[in-house]
């Protein structure tokens, strides 16, 4: 065997080995490229899913926020209407006059009188505009006297030092009580829920 033959055999073997290494490298590169493409596709799908979820979440948040804001506006509007209704009732109570005012005032005074003993010196306060009415009504009650103004829509505040009792039977206090007890019904009637 000659040296040229040995060199040629080594060259062929080196070329074959180089071809084999190149083929393995190409195959490995294709595997890496395919894995990278698959990873990229998976990352892209995951990112798209994340973006879609974030968009949906943002849309839900904005929708919830808009609904809450609309609800707050509705509640404010209802509160304004209820305030207007209450103001109107107060105006109508303050404007009562004549027999109706006298009858209501007597009824409230009678209801307060059960808290006091016979012989008590009882002081009655009322709206300044009702001073003459109260003085006339109190002429029918022994031991009762008109004691002055009380800031209210009408009715009476009755007290006695002897029994240490003070009864607030004003239109205001009765309206407050009725209003609180019936606010839900009033609201339902006004807004037909």
C-alpha atoms as a PDB file:
ATOM      1  CA  UNK A   1       0.000   0.000   0.000  1.00  0.00           C
ATOM      2  CA  UNK A   2       1.429   3.207  -0.940  1.00  0.00           C
ATOM      3  CA  UNK A   3       1.504   6.360   0.975  1.00  0.00           C
ATOM      4  CA  UNK A   4      -0.764   8.005  -1.594  1.00  0.00           C
ATOM      5  CA  UNK A   5      -3.348   5.330  -1.080  1.00  0.00           C
ATOM      6  CA  UNK A   6      -3.207   5.726   2.679  1.00  0.00           C
ATOM      7  CA  UNK A   7      -3.500   9.503   2.331  1.00  0.00           C
ATOM      8  CA  UNK A   8      -6.393   9.058  -0.072  1.00  0.00           C
ATOM      9  CA  UNK A   9      -8.134   6.614   2.285  1.00  0.00           C
ATOM     10  CA  UNK A  10      -7.660   9.053   5.169  1.00  0.00           C
ATOM     11  CA  UNK A  11      -9.025  11.866   3.028  1.00  0.00           C
ATOM     12  CA  UNK A  12     -12.057   9.866   2.011  1.00  0.00           C
ATOM     13  CA  UNK A  13     -12.588   8.801   5.564  1.00  0.00           C
ATOM     14  CA  UNK A  14     -12.235  12.448   6.711  1.00  0.00           C
ATOM     15  CA  UNK A  15     -14.649  13.576   3.972  1.00  0.00           C
ATOM     16  CA  UNK A  16     -17.108  10.868   4.931  1.00  0.00           C
ATOM     17  CA  UNK A  17     -16.750  11.785   8.588  1.00  0.00           C
ATOM     18  CA  UNK A  18     -17.129  15.483   7.713  1.00  0.00           C
ATOM     19  CA  UNK A  19     -20.271  14.681   5.663  1.00  0.00           C
ATOM     20  CA  UNK A  20     -21.589  12.656   8.558  1.00  0.00           C
ATOM     21  CA  UNK A  21     -20.879  15.512  11.029  1.00  0.00           C
ATOM     22  CA  UNK A  22     -22.409  18.036   8.615  1.00  0.00           C
ATOM     23  CA  UNK A  23     -25.516  15.840   8.197  1.00  0.00           C
ATOM     24  CA  UNK A  24     -25.767  15.449  11.983  1.00  0.00           C
ATOM     25  CA  UNK A  25     -25.295  19.228  12.388  1.00  0.00           C
ATOM     26  CA  UNK A  26     -27.938  19.942   9.742  1.00  0.00           C
ATOM     27  CA  UNK A  27     -30.334  17.492  11.410  1.00  0.00           C
ATOM     28  CA  UNK A  28     -29.608  19.007  14.825  1.00  0.00           C
ATOM     29  CA  UNK A  29     -30.030  22.533  13.405  1.00  0.00           C
ATOM     30  CA  UNK A  30     -33.366  21.502  11.892  1.00  0.00           C
ATOM     31  CA  UNK A  31     -34.436  20.048  15.275  1.00  0.00           C
ATOM     32  CA  UNK A  32     -33.378  23.238  17.067  1.00  0.00           C
ATOM     33  CA  UNK A  33     -35.100  25.381  14.453  1.00  0.00           C
ATOM     34  CA  UNK A  34     -38.289  23.278  14.669  1.00  0.00           C
ATOM     35  CA  UNK A  35     -38.211  23.445  18.496  1.00  0.00           C
ATOM     36  CA  UNK A  36     -37.624  27.207  18.331  1.00  0.00           C
ATOM     37  CA  UNK A  37     -40.518  27.583  15.865  1.00  0.00           C
ATOM     38  CA  UNK A  38     -42.743  25.483  18.144  1.00  0.00           C
ATOM     39  CA  UNK A  39     -41.642  27.536  21.194  1.00  0.00           C
ATOM     40  CA  UNK A  40     -42.231  30.769  19.290  1.00  0.00           C
ATOM     41  CA  UNK A  41     -45.695  29.582  18.236  1.00  0.00           C
ATOM     42  CA  UNK A  42     -46.484  28.557  21.825  1.00  0.00           C
ATOM     43  CA  UNK A  43     -45.211  31.899  23.165  1.00  0.00           C
ATOM     44  CA  UNK A  44     -47.249  33.748  20.539  1.00  0.00           C
ATOM     45  CA  UNK A  45     -50.414  31.796  21.392  1.00  0.00           C
ATOM     46  CA  UNK A  46     -49.816  32.346  25.101  1.00  0.00           C
ATOM     47  CA  UNK A  47     -49.206  36.062  24.564  1.00  0.00           C
ATOM     48  CA  UNK A  48     -52.346  36.338  22.420  1.00  0.00           C
ATOM     49  CA  UNK A  49     -54.331  34.525  25.114  1.00  0.00           C
ATOM     50  CA  UNK A  50     -52.891  36.787  27.807  1.00  0.00           C
ATOM     51  CA  UNK A  51     -53.687  39.903  25.755  1.00  0.00           C
ATOM     52  CA  UNK A  52     -57.229  38.668  25.068  1.00  0.00           C
ATOM     53  CA  UNK A  53     -57.756  37.954  28.793  1.00  0.00           C
ATOM     54  CA  UNK A  54     -56.365  41.385  29.704  1.00  0.00           C
ATOM     55  CA  UNK A  55     -58.618  43.031  27.119  1.00  0.00           C
ATOM     56  CA  UNK A  56     -61.637  41.125  28.445  1.00  0.00           C
ATOM     57  CA  UNK A  57     -60.704  41.958  32.037  1.00  0.00           C
ATOM     58  CA  UNK A  58     -60.261  45.639  31.152  1.00  0.00           C
ATOM     59  CA  UNK A  59     -63.591  45.618  29.309  1.00  0.00           C
ATOM     60  CA  UNK A  60     -65.294  44.030  32.333  1.00  0.00           C
ATOM     61  CA  UNK A  61     -63.686  46.558  34.676  1.00  0.00           C
ATOM     62  CA  UNK A  62     -64.800  49.466  32.523  1.00  0.00           C
ATOM     63  CA  UNK A  63     -68.288  48.014  32.190  1.00  0.00           C
ATOM     64  CA  UNK A  64     -68.516  47.497  35.959  1.00  0.00           C
ATOM     65  CA  UNK A  65     -67.211  51.000  36.550  1.00  0.00           C
ATOM     66  CA  UNK A  66     -69.766  52.458  34.124  1.00  0.00           C
ATOM     67  CA  UNK A  67     -72.578  50.476  35.755  1.00  0.00           C
ATOM     68  CA  UNK A  68     -71.486  51.633  39.221  1.00  0.00           C
ATOM     69  CA  UNK A  69     -71.300  55.244  38.065  1.00  0.00           C
ATOM     70  CA  UNK A  70     -74.767  54.983  36.480  1.00  0.00           C
ATOM     71  CA  UNK A  71     -76.119  53.449  39.693  1.00  0.00           C
ATOM     72  CA  UNK A  72     -74.600  56.277  41.734  1.00  0.00           C
ATOM     73  CA  UNK A  73     -76.187  58.856  39.422  1.00  0.00           C
ATOM     74  CA  UNK A  74     -79.562  57.094  39.763  1.00  0.00           C
ATOM     75  CA  UNK A  75     -79.239  57.034  43.557  1.00  0.00           C
ATOM     76  CA  UNK A  76     -78.301  60.722  43.636  1.00  0.00           C
ATOM     77  CA  UNK A  77     -81.274  61.561  41.420  1.00  0.00           C
ATOM     78  CA  UNK A  78     -83.585  59.510  43.660  1.00  0.00           C
ATOM     79  CA  UNK A  79     -82.156  61.165  46.752  1.00  0.00           C
ATOM     80  CA  UNK A  80     -82.796  64.575  45.141  1.00  0.00           C
ATOM     81  CA  UNK A  81     -86.397  63.609  44.330  1.00  0.00           C
ATOM     82  CA  UNK A  82     -86.971  62.300  47.859  1.00  0.00           C
ATOM     83  CA  UNK A  83     -85.551  65.537  49.270  1.00  0.00           C
ATOM     84  CA  UNK A  84     -87.879  67.545  47.039  1.00  0.00           C
ATOM     85  CA  UNK A  85     -90.863  65.461  48.120  1.00  0.00           C
ATOM     86  CA  UNK A  86     -89.958  65.883  51.782  1.00  0.00           C
ATOM     87  CA  UNK A  87     -89.478  69.638  51.314  1.00  0.00           C
ATOM     88  CA  UNK A  88     -92.881  69.819  49.636  1.00  0.00           C
ATOM     89  CA  UNK A  89     -94.507  67.924  52.531  1.00  0.00           C
ATOM     90  CA  UNK A  90     -92.833  70.276  55.015  1.00  0.00           C
ATOM     91  CA  UNK A  91     -94.081  73.293  53.043  1.00  0.00           C
ATOM     92  CA  UNK A  92     -97.620  71.888  53.026  1.00  0.00           C
ATOM     93  CA  UNK A  93     -97.495  71.176  56.766  1.00  0.00           C
ATOM     94  CA  UNK A  94     -96.253  74.693  57.479  1.00  0.00           C
ATOM     95  CA  UNK A  95     -99.036  76.128  55.293  1.00  0.00           C
ATOM     96  CA  UNK A  96    -101.870  74.286  57.081  1.00  0.00           C
ATOM     97  CA  UNK A  97    -104.276  76.773  58.579  1.00  0.00           C
ATOM     98  CA  UNK A  98    -107.715  77.219  60.015  1.00  0.00           C
ATOM     99  CA  UNK A  99    -109.682  74.306  61.414  1.00  0.00           C
ATOM    100  CA  UNK A 100    -107.241  71.700  60.103  1.00  0.00           C
ATOM    101  CA  UNK A 101    -104.301  73.285  61.942  1.00  0.00           C
ATOM    102  CA  UNK A 102    -106.355  73.705  65.125  1.00  0.00           C
ATOM    103  CA  UNK A 103    -107.615  70.108  65.017  1.00  0.00           C
ATOM    104  CA  UNK A 104    -104.093  68.687  64.504  1.00  0.00           C
ATOM    105  CA  UNK A 105    -102.652  70.918  67.234  1.00  0.00           C
ATOM    106  CA  UNK A 106    -105.357  69.838  69.714  1.00  0.00           C
ATOM    107  CA  UNK A 107    -104.779  66.172  68.847  1.00  0.00           C
ATOM    108  CA  UNK A 108    -101.032  66.523  69.428  1.00  0.00           C
ATOM    109  CA  UNK A 109    -101.594  68.419  72.692  1.00  0.00           C
ATOM    110  CA  UNK A 110    -104.072  65.762  73.913  1.00  0.00           C
ATOM    111  CA  UNK A 111    -101.567  63.014  73.075  1.00  0.00           C
ATOM    112  CA  UNK A 112     -98.838  64.827  75.029  1.00  0.00           C
ATOM    113  CA  UNK A 113    -101.134  65.570  77.998  1.00  0.00           C
ATOM    114  CA  UNK A 114    -101.369  61.918  79.049  1.00  0.00           C
ATOM    115  CA  UNK A 115     -97.736  62.192  80.194  1.00  0.00           C
ATOM    116  CA  UNK A 116     -98.567  64.796  82.846  1.00  0.00           C
ATOM    117  CA  UNK A 117    -100.391  64.539  86.171  1.00  0.00           C
ATOM    118  CA  UNK A 118    -103.355  66.683  87.110  1.00  0.00           C
ATOM    119  CA  UNK A 119    -102.144  69.795  88.873  1.00  0.00           C
ATOM    120  CA  UNK A 120     -98.796  69.904  87.062  1.00  0.00           C
ATOM    121  CA  UNK A 121     -97.797  73.287  85.788  1.00  0.00           C
ATOM    122  CA  UNK A 122     -97.318  72.553  82.126  1.00  0.00           C
ATOM    123  CA  UNK A 123     -95.558  74.789  79.625  1.00  0.00           C
ATOM    124  CA  UNK A 124     -96.400  74.540  75.955  1.00  0.00           C
ATOM    125  CA  UNK A 125     -94.132  75.755  73.166  1.00  0.00           C
ATOM    126  CA  UNK A 126     -95.009  76.044  69.520  1.00  0.00           C
ATOM    127  CA  UNK A 127     -94.405  77.798  66.253  1.00  0.00           C
ATOM    128  CA  UNK A 128     -94.345  81.579  66.598  1.00  0.00           C
ATOM    129  CA  UNK A 129     -97.110  81.944  63.988  1.00  0.00           C
ATOM    130  CA  UNK A 130     -99.289  79.622  66.133  1.00  0.00           C
ATOM    131  CA  UNK A 131     -98.999  81.704  69.353  1.00  0.00           C
ATOM    132  CA  UNK A 132    -102.592  82.996  69.193  1.00  0.00           C
ATOM    133  CA  UNK A 133    -103.944  79.566  68.268  1.00  0.00           C
ATOM    134  CA  UNK A 134    -102.067  77.882  71.123  1.00  0.00           C
ATOM    135  CA  UNK A 135    -103.176  80.529  73.621  1.00  0.00           C
ATOM    136  CA  UNK A 136    -106.805  79.984  72.587  1.00  0.00           C
ATOM    137  CA  UNK A 137    -106.509  76.185  72.775  1.00  0.00           C
ATOM    138  CA  UNK A 138    -104.726  76.265  76.159  1.00  0.00           C
ATOM    139  CA  UNK A 139    -107.654  78.178  77.685  1.00  0.00           C
ATOM    140  CA  UNK A 140    -109.377  74.736  77.722  1.00  0.00           C
ATOM    141  CA  UNK A 141    -106.561  73.116  79.772  1.00  0.00           C
ATOM    142  CA  UNK A 142    -106.083  73.772  83.509  1.00  0.00           C
ATOM    143  CA  UNK A 143    -102.480  74.447  84.503  1.00  0.00           C
ATOM    144  CA  UNK A 144    -101.267  74.789  80.916  1.00  0.00           C
ATOM    145  CA  UNK A 145     -99.707  77.980  79.597  1.00  0.00           C
ATOM    146  CA  UNK A 146     -98.115  79.097  76.351  1.00  0.00           C
ATOM    147  CA  UNK A 147     -94.403  79.454  77.135  1.00  0.00           C
ATOM    148  CA  UNK A 148     -93.019  80.749  73.870  1.00  0.00           C
ATOM    149  CA  UNK A 149     -91.636  79.946  70.477  1.00  0.00           C
ATOM    150  CA  UNK A 150     -90.236  76.614  69.353  1.00  0.00           C
ATOM    151  CA  UNK A 151     -88.698  76.420  65.869  1.00  0.00           C
ATOM    152  CA  UNK A 152     -90.926  73.927  64.081  1.00  0.00           C
ATOM    153  CA  UNK A 153     -93.511  73.528  61.330  1.00  0.00           C
ATOM    154  CA  UNK A 154     -96.342  73.300  63.838  1.00  0.00           C
ATOM    155  CA  UNK A 155     -97.548  71.162  66.702  1.00  0.00           C
ATOM    156  CA  UNK A 156     -96.385  71.424  70.302  1.00  0.00           C
ATOM    157  CA  UNK A 157     -93.546  70.770  72.699  1.00  0.00           C
ATOM    158  CA  UNK A 158     -94.939  70.206  76.179  1.00  0.00           C
ATOM    159  CA  UNK A 159     -92.942  70.089  79.409  1.00  0.00           C
ATOM    160  CA  UNK A 160     -93.270  70.259  83.163  1.00  0.00           C
ATOM    161  CA  UNK A 161     -90.601  70.735  85.828  1.00  0.00           C
ATOM    162  CA  UNK A 162     -92.678  68.750  88.308  1.00  0.00           C
ATOM    163  CA  UNK A 163     -92.761  65.539  86.299  1.00  0.00           C
ATOM    164  CA  UNK A 164     -89.471  66.201  84.466  1.00  0.00           C
ATOM    165  CA  UNK A 165     -91.077  65.177  81.218  1.00  0.00           C
ATOM    166  CA  UNK A 166     -90.737  66.835  77.845  1.00  0.00           C
ATOM    167  CA  UNK A 167     -92.878  65.654  74.941  1.00  0.00           C
ATOM    168  CA  UNK A 168     -92.046  66.715  71.409  1.00  0.00           C
ATOM    169  CA  UNK A 169     -95.248  66.402  69.381  1.00  0.00           C
ATOM    170  CA  UNK A 170     -94.289  68.748  66.575  1.00  0.00           C
ATOM    171  CA  UNK A 171     -95.175  68.218  62.942  1.00  0.00           C
ATOM    172  CA  UNK A 172     -91.424  67.929  62.361  1.00  0.00           C
ATOM    173  CA  UNK A 173     -90.923  65.055  64.807  1.00  0.00           C
ATOM    174  CA  UNK A 174     -93.963  63.191  63.506  1.00  0.00           C
ATOM    175  CA  UNK A 175     -92.888  63.709  59.904  1.00  0.00           C
ATOM    176  CA  UNK A 176     -89.409  62.422  60.754  1.00  0.00           C
ATOM    177  CA  UNK A 177     -90.858  59.314  62.378  1.00  0.00           C
ATOM    178  CA  UNK A 178     -93.314  58.606  59.549  1.00  0.00           C
ATOM    179  CA  UNK A 179     -90.669  59.348  56.927  1.00  0.00           C
ATOM    180  CA  UNK A 180     -88.143  56.930  58.433  1.00  0.00           C
ATOM    181  CA  UNK A 181     -90.720  54.170  58.930  1.00  0.00           C
ATOM    182  CA  UNK A 182     -92.088  54.490  55.391  1.00  0.00           C
ATOM    183  CA  UNK A 183     -89.074  55.577  53.359  1.00  0.00           C
ATOM    184  CA  UNK A 184     -88.836  52.273  51.468  1.00  0.00           C
ATOM    185  CA  UNK A 185     -92.534  52.359  50.553  1.00  0.00           C
ATOM    186  CA  UNK A 186     -92.306  56.031  49.575  1.00  0.00           C
ATOM    187  CA  UNK A 187     -89.306  55.275  47.399  1.00  0.00           C
ATOM    188  CA  UNK A 188     -91.013  52.269  45.810  1.00  0.00           C
ATOM    189  CA  UNK A 189     -94.115  54.312  45.003  1.00  0.00           C
ATOM    190  CA  UNK A 190     -92.116  57.178  43.558  1.00  0.00           C
ATOM    191  CA  UNK A 191     -89.849  54.997  41.470  1.00  0.00           C
ATOM    192  CA  UNK A 192     -92.186  51.986  40.895  1.00  0.00           C
ATOM    193  CA  UNK A 193     -89.664  49.272  41.632  1.00  0.00           C
END
